[in-house]
């Protein structure tokens, strides 16, 4: 486990920028910059020429609320959960008990939501994608403390000061972070916590992982724009001026070939049937699996990263 506590520098500047986006609409964007740490975030639908924001132009124009609509079943069957150390950290360091009420924002099919429900918490699963939200209802509907909400990170529709925690697992890189931060501050009770979590795939520790990364770079549609290193680049700017904490845990996922194929096809940046890259991509995946499998399995290894703070 890796432990880091960070206090952002807090020297922020606001620069309004007029931007023409890719579909021809003009919008005013507030560029929030920290010259000391080099972090820039955007508020609005524009772009960034810094390469240092979570909410980049490429992501802003990809309509993240719809990217996974045709991948729900593969997502359910193949995506990893989160290590038990995540909840233990929330209990030990944030004082989370079963009485805490939680907004799990962009909850998707409910992978992290389930862990919170099993802890005994009341959870509001905020999810703007219809197909994902319906899957969460189907999978978690038997939990009496679960409520699915058709809303977004930037406008959750929850009452002011109504939750003890806001969590977002594998999702915050799609948010308009300044708008989300304002919304999280609004719905949190005094002393409440924001917790951002990612399973970040390791790309170079084994021959299989190096080859899998090469496969994505070769066949995926927009992987270069949304690949993992872009997910957490704007963390300092999101939490500033609040100090925040970082925890890291290993998270391996052992898979047979059918599971590996479903895992690949659950990614929003890979082509589906009918695309010219689909068949050669799966052929290369099969070749890669056969070349690297041990006893019929390969491992996709992740580092689970938690970022958490009490916003001020």
C-alpha atoms as a PDB file:
ATOM      1  CA  UNK A   1       0.000   0.000   0.000  1.00  0.00           C
ATOM      2  CA  UNK A   2       1.242   3.487  -0.874  1.00  0.00           C
ATOM      3  CA  UNK A   3       0.147   6.415   1.297  1.00  0.00           C
ATOM      4  CA  UNK A   4       0.399  10.072   0.310  1.00  0.00           C
ATOM      5  CA  UNK A   5      -1.116  13.217   1.792  1.00  0.00           C
ATOM      6  CA  UNK A   6      -1.092  16.301  -0.386  1.00  0.00           C
ATOM      7  CA  UNK A   7      -1.984  19.941   0.116  1.00  0.00           C
ATOM      8  CA  UNK A   8      -2.501  21.700  -3.213  1.00  0.00           C
ATOM      9  CA  UNK A   9      -0.708  25.003  -3.567  1.00  0.00           C
ATOM     10  CA  UNK A  10      -3.998  26.895  -3.852  1.00  0.00           C
ATOM     11  CA  UNK A  11      -2.615  29.715  -5.995  1.00  0.00           C
ATOM     12  CA  UNK A  12      -5.384  29.664  -8.566  1.00  0.00           C
ATOM     13  CA  UNK A  13      -6.215  32.026 -11.398  1.00  0.00           C
ATOM     14  CA  UNK A  14      -9.401  32.301 -13.477  1.00  0.00           C
ATOM     15  CA  UNK A  15      -9.093  33.087 -17.180  1.00  0.00           C
ATOM     16  CA  UNK A  16     -12.251  33.305 -19.330  1.00  0.00           C
ATOM     17  CA  UNK A  17     -11.668  31.886 -22.784  1.00  0.00           C
ATOM     18  CA  UNK A  18     -13.896  31.976 -25.854  1.00  0.00           C
ATOM     19  CA  UNK A  19     -13.729  28.663 -27.655  1.00  0.00           C
ATOM     20  CA  UNK A  20     -15.305  27.307 -30.828  1.00  0.00           C
ATOM     21  CA  UNK A  21     -15.938  23.622 -30.265  1.00  0.00           C
ATOM     22  CA  UNK A  22     -15.867  20.842 -32.810  1.00  0.00           C
ATOM     23  CA  UNK A  23     -19.544  21.063 -33.713  1.00  0.00           C
ATOM     24  CA  UNK A  24     -19.427  24.773 -34.316  1.00  0.00           C
ATOM     25  CA  UNK A  25     -20.939  26.140 -31.115  1.00  0.00           C
ATOM     26  CA  UNK A  26     -19.268  28.960 -29.235  1.00  0.00           C
ATOM     27  CA  UNK A  27     -18.939  28.706 -25.505  1.00  0.00           C
ATOM     28  CA  UNK A  28     -17.253  30.686 -22.781  1.00  0.00           C
ATOM     29  CA  UNK A  29     -14.878  28.561 -20.781  1.00  0.00           C
ATOM     30  CA  UNK A  30     -13.338  29.453 -17.445  1.00  0.00           C
ATOM     31  CA  UNK A  31      -9.798  28.145 -17.397  1.00  0.00           C
ATOM     32  CA  UNK A  32      -8.647  27.534 -13.851  1.00  0.00           C
ATOM     33  CA  UNK A  33      -4.898  27.497 -13.717  1.00  0.00           C
ATOM     34  CA  UNK A  34      -2.316  26.949 -11.063  1.00  0.00           C
ATOM     35  CA  UNK A  35       0.968  28.292 -12.338  1.00  0.00           C
ATOM     36  CA  UNK A  36       2.924  26.741  -9.487  1.00  0.00           C
ATOM     37  CA  UNK A  37       1.858  23.154 -10.074  1.00  0.00           C
ATOM     38  CA  UNK A  38       0.953  23.361 -13.768  1.00  0.00           C
ATOM     39  CA  UNK A  39      -2.607  22.070 -13.312  1.00  0.00           C
ATOM     40  CA  UNK A  40      -5.416  23.487 -15.423  1.00  0.00           C
ATOM     41  CA  UNK A  41      -9.096  22.584 -15.345  1.00  0.00           C
ATOM     42  CA  UNK A  42     -11.966  23.672 -17.544  1.00  0.00           C
ATOM     43  CA  UNK A  43     -15.477  24.798 -16.730  1.00  0.00           C
ATOM     44  CA  UNK A  44     -17.582  24.508 -19.843  1.00  0.00           C
ATOM     45  CA  UNK A  45     -17.536  22.690 -23.161  1.00  0.00           C
ATOM     46  CA  UNK A  46     -14.242  23.934 -24.533  1.00  0.00           C
ATOM     47  CA  UNK A  47     -10.803  22.470 -24.824  1.00  0.00           C
ATOM     48  CA  UNK A  48      -7.416  22.603 -23.210  1.00  0.00           C
ATOM     49  CA  UNK A  49      -4.092  23.202 -24.829  1.00  0.00           C
ATOM     50  CA  UNK A  50      -2.224  22.213 -21.698  1.00  0.00           C
ATOM     51  CA  UNK A  51      -2.748  18.458 -21.646  1.00  0.00           C
ATOM     52  CA  UNK A  52      -3.162  18.771 -17.862  1.00  0.00           C
ATOM     53  CA  UNK A  53      -6.877  18.464 -17.233  1.00  0.00           C
ATOM     54  CA  UNK A  54      -9.181  15.590 -16.546  1.00  0.00           C
ATOM     55  CA  UNK A  55     -12.016  17.217 -18.457  1.00  0.00           C
ATOM     56  CA  UNK A  56     -10.238  17.680 -21.786  1.00  0.00           C
ATOM     57  CA  UNK A  57     -11.706  18.788 -25.085  1.00  0.00           C
ATOM     58  CA  UNK A  58     -11.597  15.274 -26.458  1.00  0.00           C
ATOM     59  CA  UNK A  59     -13.551  13.887 -23.518  1.00  0.00           C
ATOM     60  CA  UNK A  60     -15.988  16.799 -23.516  1.00  0.00           C
ATOM     61  CA  UNK A  61     -17.021  16.039 -27.080  1.00  0.00           C
ATOM     62  CA  UNK A  62     -17.384  12.286 -26.580  1.00  0.00           C
ATOM     63  CA  UNK A  63     -20.717  12.425 -24.686  1.00  0.00           C
ATOM     64  CA  UNK A  64     -19.616  10.204 -21.787  1.00  0.00           C
ATOM     65  CA  UNK A  65     -23.202   9.641 -20.640  1.00  0.00           C
ATOM     66  CA  UNK A  66     -23.781   7.482 -23.745  1.00  0.00           C
ATOM     67  CA  UNK A  67     -20.429   5.818 -24.368  1.00  0.00           C
ATOM     68  CA  UNK A  68     -21.264   2.584 -22.518  1.00  0.00           C
ATOM     69  CA  UNK A  69     -24.886   2.088 -23.610  1.00  0.00           C
ATOM     70  CA  UNK A  70     -24.079  -0.838 -25.922  1.00  0.00           C
ATOM     71  CA  UNK A  71     -21.507  -2.427 -23.583  1.00  0.00           C
ATOM     72  CA  UNK A  72     -23.508  -2.973 -20.419  1.00  0.00           C
ATOM     73  CA  UNK A  73     -23.572  -6.772 -20.324  1.00  0.00           C
ATOM     74  CA  UNK A  74     -19.863  -7.090 -21.047  1.00  0.00           C
ATOM     75  CA  UNK A  75     -19.252  -4.474 -18.362  1.00  0.00           C
ATOM     76  CA  UNK A  76     -21.256  -6.449 -15.805  1.00  0.00           C
ATOM     77  CA  UNK A  77     -19.548  -9.733 -16.621  1.00  0.00           C
ATOM     78  CA  UNK A  78     -15.942  -8.594 -16.879  1.00  0.00           C
ATOM     79  CA  UNK A  79     -15.105  -5.449 -14.907  1.00  0.00           C
ATOM     80  CA  UNK A  80     -13.208  -5.922 -11.631  1.00  0.00           C
ATOM     81  CA  UNK A  81     -14.496  -4.869  -8.234  1.00  0.00           C
ATOM     82  CA  UNK A  82     -12.314  -3.029  -5.703  1.00  0.00           C
ATOM     83  CA  UNK A  83     -10.037  -4.408  -2.979  1.00  0.00           C
ATOM     84  CA  UNK A  84     -11.340  -4.622   0.601  1.00  0.00           C
ATOM     85  CA  UNK A  85      -8.724  -2.076   1.692  1.00  0.00           C
ATOM     86  CA  UNK A  86     -10.844   0.654   0.069  1.00  0.00           C
ATOM     87  CA  UNK A  87     -13.715   0.314   2.539  1.00  0.00           C
ATOM     88  CA  UNK A  88     -11.317  -0.283   5.390  1.00  0.00           C
ATOM     89  CA  UNK A  89      -9.618   3.002   4.553  1.00  0.00           C
ATOM     90  CA  UNK A  90     -12.969   4.794   4.574  1.00  0.00           C
ATOM     91  CA  UNK A  91     -13.767   3.331   7.979  1.00  0.00           C
ATOM     92  CA  UNK A  92     -10.389   3.983   9.549  1.00  0.00           C
ATOM     93  CA  UNK A  93      -9.520   7.352   8.036  1.00  0.00           C
ATOM     94  CA  UNK A  94     -12.875   8.940   7.228  1.00  0.00           C
ATOM     95  CA  UNK A  95     -14.961   7.524  10.052  1.00  0.00           C
ATOM     96  CA  UNK A  96     -17.446   5.824   7.741  1.00  0.00           C
ATOM     97  CA  UNK A  97     -20.016   3.662   9.501  1.00  0.00           C
ATOM     98  CA  UNK A  98     -23.046   1.752   8.278  1.00  0.00           C
ATOM     99  CA  UNK A  99     -25.139   4.788   9.218  1.00  0.00           C
ATOM    100  CA  UNK A 100     -23.470   7.035   6.623  1.00  0.00           C
ATOM    101  CA  UNK A 101     -25.591   8.064   3.650  1.00  0.00           C
ATOM    102  CA  UNK A 102     -23.696   8.040   0.387  1.00  0.00           C
ATOM    103  CA  UNK A 103     -24.131   9.461  -3.099  1.00  0.00           C
ATOM    104  CA  UNK A 104     -22.304   7.102  -5.453  1.00  0.00           C
ATOM    105  CA  UNK A 105     -22.023   9.327  -8.503  1.00  0.00           C
ATOM    106  CA  UNK A 106     -21.880   7.832 -11.997  1.00  0.00           C
ATOM    107  CA  UNK A 107     -22.446   4.493 -10.318  1.00  0.00           C
ATOM    108  CA  UNK A 108     -22.775   2.653 -13.628  1.00  0.00           C
ATOM    109  CA  UNK A 109     -23.907  -0.939 -13.133  1.00  0.00           C
ATOM    110  CA  UNK A 110     -23.209  -0.664  -9.406  1.00  0.00           C
ATOM    111  CA  UNK A 111     -19.867  -2.408  -8.925  1.00  0.00           C
ATOM    112  CA  UNK A 112     -18.692  -0.087  -6.154  1.00  0.00           C
ATOM    113  CA  UNK A 113     -22.267   0.614  -5.051  1.00  0.00           C
ATOM    114  CA  UNK A 114     -22.674  -3.027  -4.086  1.00  0.00           C
ATOM    115  CA  UNK A 115     -19.715  -2.833  -1.689  1.00  0.00           C
ATOM    116  CA  UNK A 116     -21.302   0.159   0.044  1.00  0.00           C
ATOM    117  CA  UNK A 117     -24.673  -1.575   0.296  1.00  0.00           C
ATOM    118  CA  UNK A 118     -23.042  -4.698   1.705  1.00  0.00           C
ATOM    119  CA  UNK A 119     -21.489  -2.424   4.327  1.00  0.00           C
ATOM    120  CA  UNK A 120     -25.020  -1.485   5.382  1.00  0.00           C
ATOM    121  CA  UNK A 121     -25.081   2.037   3.941  1.00  0.00           C
ATOM    122  CA  UNK A 122     -27.957   3.843   2.309  1.00  0.00           C
ATOM    123  CA  UNK A 123     -26.757   4.636  -1.222  1.00  0.00           C
ATOM    124  CA  UNK A 124     -28.108   6.988  -3.851  1.00  0.00           C
ATOM    125  CA  UNK A 125     -26.816   5.656  -7.158  1.00  0.00           C
ATOM    126  CA  UNK A 126     -26.616   8.701  -9.412  1.00  0.00           C
ATOM    127  CA  UNK A 127     -26.308   7.591 -13.044  1.00  0.00           C
ATOM    128  CA  UNK A 128     -27.255   9.504 -16.228  1.00  0.00           C
ATOM    129  CA  UNK A 129     -26.962   6.560 -18.637  1.00  0.00           C
ATOM    130  CA  UNK A 130     -30.293   4.764 -18.960  1.00  0.00           C
ATOM    131  CA  UNK A 131     -28.895   1.332 -19.789  1.00  0.00           C
ATOM    132  CA  UNK A 132     -26.336   1.433 -16.990  1.00  0.00           C
ATOM    133  CA  UNK A 133     -28.898   2.659 -14.474  1.00  0.00           C
ATOM    134  CA  UNK A 134     -31.377  -0.065 -15.439  1.00  0.00           C
ATOM    135  CA  UNK A 135     -28.647  -2.662 -14.987  1.00  0.00           C
ATOM    136  CA  UNK A 136     -27.896  -1.300 -11.515  1.00  0.00           C
ATOM    137  CA  UNK A 137     -31.584  -1.514 -10.626  1.00  0.00           C
ATOM    138  CA  UNK A 138     -31.722  -5.096 -11.886  1.00  0.00           C
ATOM    139  CA  UNK A 139     -28.608  -6.136  -9.970  1.00  0.00           C
ATOM    140  CA  UNK A 140     -29.130  -4.129  -6.769  1.00  0.00           C
ATOM    141  CA  UNK A 141     -32.897  -3.814  -6.537  1.00  0.00           C
ATOM    142  CA  UNK A 142     -33.064  -6.338  -3.720  1.00  0.00           C
ATOM    143  CA  UNK A 143     -31.135  -3.976  -1.428  1.00  0.00           C
ATOM    144  CA  UNK A 144     -33.731  -1.874   0.449  1.00  0.00           C
ATOM    145  CA  UNK A 145     -31.231   0.962   0.993  1.00  0.00           C
ATOM    146  CA  UNK A 146     -30.507   1.466  -2.708  1.00  0.00           C
ATOM    147  CA  UNK A 147     -32.105   4.226  -4.732  1.00  0.00           C
ATOM    148  CA  UNK A 148     -31.230   4.856  -8.384  1.00  0.00           C
ATOM    149  CA  UNK A 149     -31.361   8.465  -9.542  1.00  0.00           C
ATOM    150  CA  UNK A 150     -31.438   9.637 -13.146  1.00  0.00           C
ATOM    151  CA  UNK A 151     -29.010  12.541 -12.842  1.00  0.00           C
ATOM    152  CA  UNK A 152     -25.406  13.597 -13.424  1.00  0.00           C
ATOM    153  CA  UNK A 153     -22.382  14.515 -11.345  1.00  0.00           C
ATOM    154  CA  UNK A 154     -22.894  18.158 -12.181  1.00  0.00           C
ATOM    155  CA  UNK A 155     -26.577  18.133 -11.146  1.00  0.00           C
ATOM    156  CA  UNK A 156     -27.397  15.226  -8.848  1.00  0.00           C
ATOM    157  CA  UNK A 157     -30.876  16.538  -7.844  1.00  0.00           C
ATOM    158  CA  UNK A 158     -30.125  15.553  -4.234  1.00  0.00           C
ATOM    159  CA  UNK A 159     -31.046  18.025  -1.463  1.00  0.00           C
ATOM    160  CA  UNK A 160     -28.540  20.399   0.087  1.00  0.00           C
ATOM    161  CA  UNK A 161     -26.420  18.878   2.868  1.00  0.00           C
ATOM    162  CA  UNK A 162     -28.028  15.474   2.467  1.00  0.00           C
ATOM    163  CA  UNK A 163     -25.146  12.963   2.297  1.00  0.00           C
ATOM    164  CA  UNK A 164     -22.084  12.098   4.361  1.00  0.00           C
ATOM    165  CA  UNK A 165     -19.976  10.876   1.439  1.00  0.00           C
ATOM    166  CA  UNK A 166     -19.795  11.439  -2.291  1.00  0.00           C
ATOM    167  CA  UNK A 167     -18.026   8.613  -4.083  1.00  0.00           C
ATOM    168  CA  UNK A 168     -17.136   8.204  -7.739  1.00  0.00           C
ATOM    169  CA  UNK A 169     -15.484   4.974  -8.876  1.00  0.00           C
ATOM    170  CA  UNK A 170     -13.942   4.730 -12.349  1.00  0.00           C
ATOM    171  CA  UNK A 171     -15.883   7.797 -13.424  1.00  0.00           C
ATOM    172  CA  UNK A 172     -14.589  11.219 -12.418  1.00  0.00           C
ATOM    173  CA  UNK A 173     -12.430  11.618 -15.533  1.00  0.00           C
ATOM    174  CA  UNK A 174     -15.692  12.107 -17.446  1.00  0.00           C
ATOM    175  CA  UNK A 175     -16.973  14.905 -15.193  1.00  0.00           C
ATOM    176  CA  UNK A 176     -16.945  18.638 -15.701  1.00  0.00           C
ATOM    177  CA  UNK A 177     -14.880  18.851 -12.558  1.00  0.00           C
ATOM    178  CA  UNK A 178     -15.539  22.433 -11.524  1.00  0.00           C
ATOM    179  CA  UNK A 179     -19.294  21.959 -11.842  1.00  0.00           C
ATOM    180  CA  UNK A 180     -19.072  18.595 -10.070  1.00  0.00           C
ATOM    181  CA  UNK A 181     -17.044  20.094  -7.234  1.00  0.00           C
ATOM    182  CA  UNK A 182     -19.664  22.790  -6.680  1.00  0.00           C
ATOM    183  CA  UNK A 183     -22.399  20.161  -6.691  1.00  0.00           C
ATOM    184  CA  UNK A 184     -20.569  17.851  -4.296  1.00  0.00           C
ATOM    185  CA  UNK A 185     -19.976  20.749  -1.911  1.00  0.00           C
ATOM    186  CA  UNK A 186     -23.677  21.568  -2.053  1.00  0.00           C
ATOM    187  CA  UNK A 187     -24.965  18.072  -1.246  1.00  0.00           C
ATOM    188  CA  UNK A 188     -22.379  17.137   1.390  1.00  0.00           C
ATOM    189  CA  UNK A 189     -23.140  17.555   5.060  1.00  0.00           C
ATOM    190  CA  UNK A 190     -20.604  19.617   7.010  1.00  0.00           C
ATOM    191  CA  UNK A 191     -17.487  17.493   7.453  1.00  0.00           C
ATOM    192  CA  UNK A 192     -18.469  15.159   4.617  1.00  0.00           C
ATOM    193  CA  UNK A 193     -15.963  13.469   2.321  1.00  0.00           C
ATOM    194  CA  UNK A 194     -15.413  13.222  -1.419  1.00  0.00           C
ATOM    195  CA  UNK A 195     -13.800   9.968  -2.537  1.00  0.00           C
ATOM    196  CA  UNK A 196     -12.557   9.402  -6.094  1.00  0.00           C
ATOM    197  CA  UNK A 197     -11.406   5.901  -7.018  1.00  0.00           C
ATOM    198  CA  UNK A 198      -9.858   4.323 -10.080  1.00  0.00           C
ATOM    199  CA  UNK A 199      -8.658   0.865 -10.991  1.00  0.00           C
ATOM    200  CA  UNK A 200      -5.760   1.869 -13.224  1.00  0.00           C
ATOM    201  CA  UNK A 201      -4.519  -0.914 -15.470  1.00  0.00           C
ATOM    202  CA  UNK A 202      -0.791  -1.567 -15.352  1.00  0.00           C
ATOM    203  CA  UNK A 203       0.556  -1.563 -18.888  1.00  0.00           C
ATOM    204  CA  UNK A 204       4.142  -2.774 -18.761  1.00  0.00           C
ATOM    205  CA  UNK A 205       4.837  -5.212 -15.924  1.00  0.00           C
ATOM    206  CA  UNK A 206       4.376  -8.452 -17.911  1.00  0.00           C
ATOM    207  CA  UNK A 207       4.638  -9.568 -21.517  1.00  0.00           C
ATOM    208  CA  UNK A 208       0.872  -9.999 -21.652  1.00  0.00           C
ATOM    209  CA  UNK A 209       0.185  -6.473 -20.367  1.00  0.00           C
ATOM    210  CA  UNK A 210       2.700  -4.919 -22.756  1.00  0.00           C
ATOM    211  CA  UNK A 211       1.133  -6.755 -25.686  1.00  0.00           C
ATOM    212  CA  UNK A 212      -2.399  -5.910 -24.564  1.00  0.00           C
ATOM    213  CA  UNK A 213      -1.479  -2.224 -24.477  1.00  0.00           C
ATOM    214  CA  UNK A 214      -0.032  -2.508 -27.983  1.00  0.00           C
ATOM    215  CA  UNK A 215      -3.269  -4.154 -29.153  1.00  0.00           C
ATOM    216  CA  UNK A 216      -5.290  -1.208 -27.847  1.00  0.00           C
ATOM    217  CA  UNK A 217      -3.008   1.322 -29.489  1.00  0.00           C
ATOM    218  CA  UNK A 218      -3.312  -0.562 -32.774  1.00  0.00           C
ATOM    219  CA  UNK A 219      -7.024  -1.302 -32.976  1.00  0.00           C
ATOM    220  CA  UNK A 220      -8.942   1.002 -30.608  1.00  0.00           C
ATOM    221  CA  UNK A 221     -10.886   3.986 -31.916  1.00  0.00           C
ATOM    222  CA  UNK A 222      -9.987   6.786 -29.480  1.00  0.00           C
ATOM    223  CA  UNK A 223      -7.864   5.118 -26.832  1.00  0.00           C
ATOM    224  CA  UNK A 224      -5.115   7.718 -27.164  1.00  0.00           C
ATOM    225  CA  UNK A 225      -7.559  10.393 -25.971  1.00  0.00           C
ATOM    226  CA  UNK A 226      -8.954   8.566 -22.951  1.00  0.00           C
ATOM    227  CA  UNK A 227      -6.174   6.175 -21.910  1.00  0.00           C
ATOM    228  CA  UNK A 228      -5.472   5.742 -18.225  1.00  0.00           C
ATOM    229  CA  UNK A 229      -2.768   8.306 -17.674  1.00  0.00           C
ATOM    230  CA  UNK A 230      -5.305  11.046 -18.436  1.00  0.00           C
ATOM    231  CA  UNK A 231      -7.701  10.039 -15.678  1.00  0.00           C
ATOM    232  CA  UNK A 232      -6.096  11.682 -12.671  1.00  0.00           C
ATOM    233  CA  UNK A 233      -4.041  14.541 -14.054  1.00  0.00           C
ATOM    234  CA  UNK A 234      -6.324  17.256 -12.637  1.00  0.00           C
ATOM    235  CA  UNK A 235      -6.697  15.945  -9.091  1.00  0.00           C
ATOM    236  CA  UNK A 236      -4.805  18.840  -7.483  1.00  0.00           C
ATOM    237  CA  UNK A 237      -7.033  21.400  -9.155  1.00  0.00           C
ATOM    238  CA  UNK A 238     -10.212  19.558  -8.231  1.00  0.00           C
ATOM    239  CA  UNK A 239      -9.457  19.390  -4.521  1.00  0.00           C
ATOM    240  CA  UNK A 240      -7.675  22.770  -4.154  1.00  0.00           C
ATOM    241  CA  UNK A 241      -7.407  24.427  -1.728  1.00  0.00           C
ATOM    242  CA  UNK A 242      -8.352  21.389   0.399  1.00  0.00           C
ATOM    243  CA  UNK A 243      -5.612  18.951   1.390  1.00  0.00           C
ATOM    244  CA  UNK A 244      -6.288  15.456   0.110  1.00  0.00           C
ATOM    245  CA  UNK A 245      -5.001  11.938   0.703  1.00  0.00           C
ATOM    246  CA  UNK A 246      -3.929   9.193  -1.684  1.00  0.00           C
ATOM    247  CA  UNK A 247      -3.942   5.463  -1.064  1.00  0.00           C
ATOM    248  CA  UNK A 248      -2.850   2.750  -3.498  1.00  0.00           C
ATOM    249  CA  UNK A 249      -3.573  -0.982  -3.439  1.00  0.00           C
ATOM    250  CA  UNK A 250      -2.772  -3.833  -5.848  1.00  0.00           C
ATOM    251  CA  UNK A 251      -5.766  -5.365  -7.650  1.00  0.00           C
ATOM    252  CA  UNK A 252      -5.107  -8.387  -9.928  1.00  0.00           C
ATOM    253  CA  UNK A 253      -7.810  -9.895 -12.126  1.00  0.00           C
ATOM    254  CA  UNK A 254      -7.302 -13.446 -13.392  1.00  0.00           C
ATOM    255  CA  UNK A 255      -9.214 -14.234 -16.601  1.00  0.00           C
ATOM    256  CA  UNK A 256      -9.860 -17.062 -19.036  1.00  0.00           C
ATOM    257  CA  UNK A 257     -10.259 -16.207 -22.712  1.00  0.00           C
ATOM    258  CA  UNK A 258     -14.033 -15.545 -22.755  1.00  0.00           C
ATOM    259  CA  UNK A 259     -13.661 -13.218 -19.764  1.00  0.00           C
ATOM    260  CA  UNK A 260     -10.735 -11.442 -21.409  1.00  0.00           C
ATOM    261  CA  UNK A 261     -12.714 -10.887 -24.600  1.00  0.00           C
ATOM    262  CA  UNK A 262     -15.653  -9.484 -22.625  1.00  0.00           C
ATOM    263  CA  UNK A 263     -13.268  -7.239 -20.704  1.00  0.00           C
ATOM    264  CA  UNK A 264     -11.864  -5.851 -23.929  1.00  0.00           C
ATOM    265  CA  UNK A 265     -15.307  -5.271 -25.439  1.00  0.00           C
ATOM    266  CA  UNK A 266     -16.521  -3.504 -22.285  1.00  0.00           C
ATOM    267  CA  UNK A 267     -14.132  -0.634 -23.024  1.00  0.00           C
ATOM    268  CA  UNK A 268     -15.772   2.336 -24.694  1.00  0.00           C
ATOM    269  CA  UNK A 269     -12.776   2.974 -26.930  1.00  0.00           C
ATOM    270  CA  UNK A 270     -12.687  -0.386 -28.748  1.00  0.00           C
ATOM    271  CA  UNK A 271     -14.644  -1.164 -31.925  1.00  0.00           C
ATOM    272  CA  UNK A 272     -17.663  -3.433 -31.881  1.00  0.00           C
ATOM    273  CA  UNK A 273     -19.015  -5.839 -34.503  1.00  0.00           C
ATOM    274  CA  UNK A 274     -19.359  -4.170 -37.897  1.00  0.00           C
ATOM    275  CA  UNK A 275     -16.256  -2.022 -37.541  1.00  0.00           C
ATOM    276  CA  UNK A 276     -13.295  -2.835 -39.764  1.00  0.00           C
ATOM    277  CA  UNK A 277     -10.966  -3.326 -36.787  1.00  0.00           C
ATOM    278  CA  UNK A 278     -13.270  -5.660 -34.858  1.00  0.00           C
ATOM    279  CA  UNK A 279     -12.341  -9.046 -36.399  1.00  0.00           C
ATOM    280  CA  UNK A 280      -8.575  -8.452 -36.616  1.00  0.00           C
ATOM    281  CA  UNK A 281      -8.598  -7.112 -33.051  1.00  0.00           C
ATOM    282  CA  UNK A 282     -10.207 -10.278 -31.688  1.00  0.00           C
ATOM    283  CA  UNK A 283      -7.878 -12.431 -33.773  1.00  0.00           C
ATOM    284  CA  UNK A 284      -4.889 -10.658 -32.249  1.00  0.00           C
ATOM    285  CA  UNK A 285      -6.413 -10.962 -28.764  1.00  0.00           C
ATOM    286  CA  UNK A 286      -6.744 -14.733 -29.212  1.00  0.00           C
ATOM    287  CA  UNK A 287      -3.158 -14.995 -30.477  1.00  0.00           C
ATOM    288  CA  UNK A 288      -1.928 -12.922 -27.543  1.00  0.00           C
ATOM    289  CA  UNK A 289      -3.848 -15.033 -25.037  1.00  0.00           C
ATOM    290  CA  UNK A 290      -2.508 -18.307 -26.421  1.00  0.00           C
ATOM    291  CA  UNK A 291       1.055 -16.980 -26.376  1.00  0.00           C
ATOM    292  CA  UNK A 292       0.988 -15.797 -22.760  1.00  0.00           C
ATOM    293  CA  UNK A 293      -1.594 -17.867 -20.862  1.00  0.00           C
ATOM    294  CA  UNK A 294      -0.625 -20.057 -17.948  1.00  0.00           C
ATOM    295  CA  UNK A 295      -3.022 -22.894 -17.175  1.00  0.00           C
ATOM    296  CA  UNK A 296      -5.610 -21.257 -19.391  1.00  0.00           C
ATOM    297  CA  UNK A 297      -5.535 -17.847 -17.708  1.00  0.00           C
ATOM    298  CA  UNK A 298      -3.903 -14.438 -17.920  1.00  0.00           C
ATOM    299  CA  UNK A 299      -3.889 -11.618 -15.399  1.00  0.00           C
ATOM    300  CA  UNK A 300      -4.871  -8.000 -15.926  1.00  0.00           C
ATOM    301  CA  UNK A 301      -3.212  -6.194 -13.060  1.00  0.00           C
ATOM    302  CA  UNK A 302      -4.417  -2.883 -11.688  1.00  0.00           C
ATOM    303  CA  UNK A 303      -3.379  -0.361  -9.108  1.00  0.00           C
ATOM    304  CA  UNK A 304      -6.437   0.850  -7.220  1.00  0.00           C
ATOM    305  CA  UNK A 305      -5.985   4.535  -6.387  1.00  0.00           C
ATOM    306  CA  UNK A 306      -8.114   6.421  -3.871  1.00  0.00           C
ATOM    307  CA  UNK A 307      -8.158  10.212  -3.571  1.00  0.00           C
ATOM    308  CA  UNK A 308     -10.216  11.598  -0.686  1.00  0.00           C
ATOM    309  CA  UNK A 309     -10.733  14.870   1.132  1.00  0.00           C
ATOM    310  CA  UNK A 310     -13.147  17.071   3.024  1.00  0.00           C
ATOM    311  CA  UNK A 311     -13.843  19.936   0.621  1.00  0.00           C
ATOM    312  CA  UNK A 312     -13.485  23.497   1.844  1.00  0.00           C
END
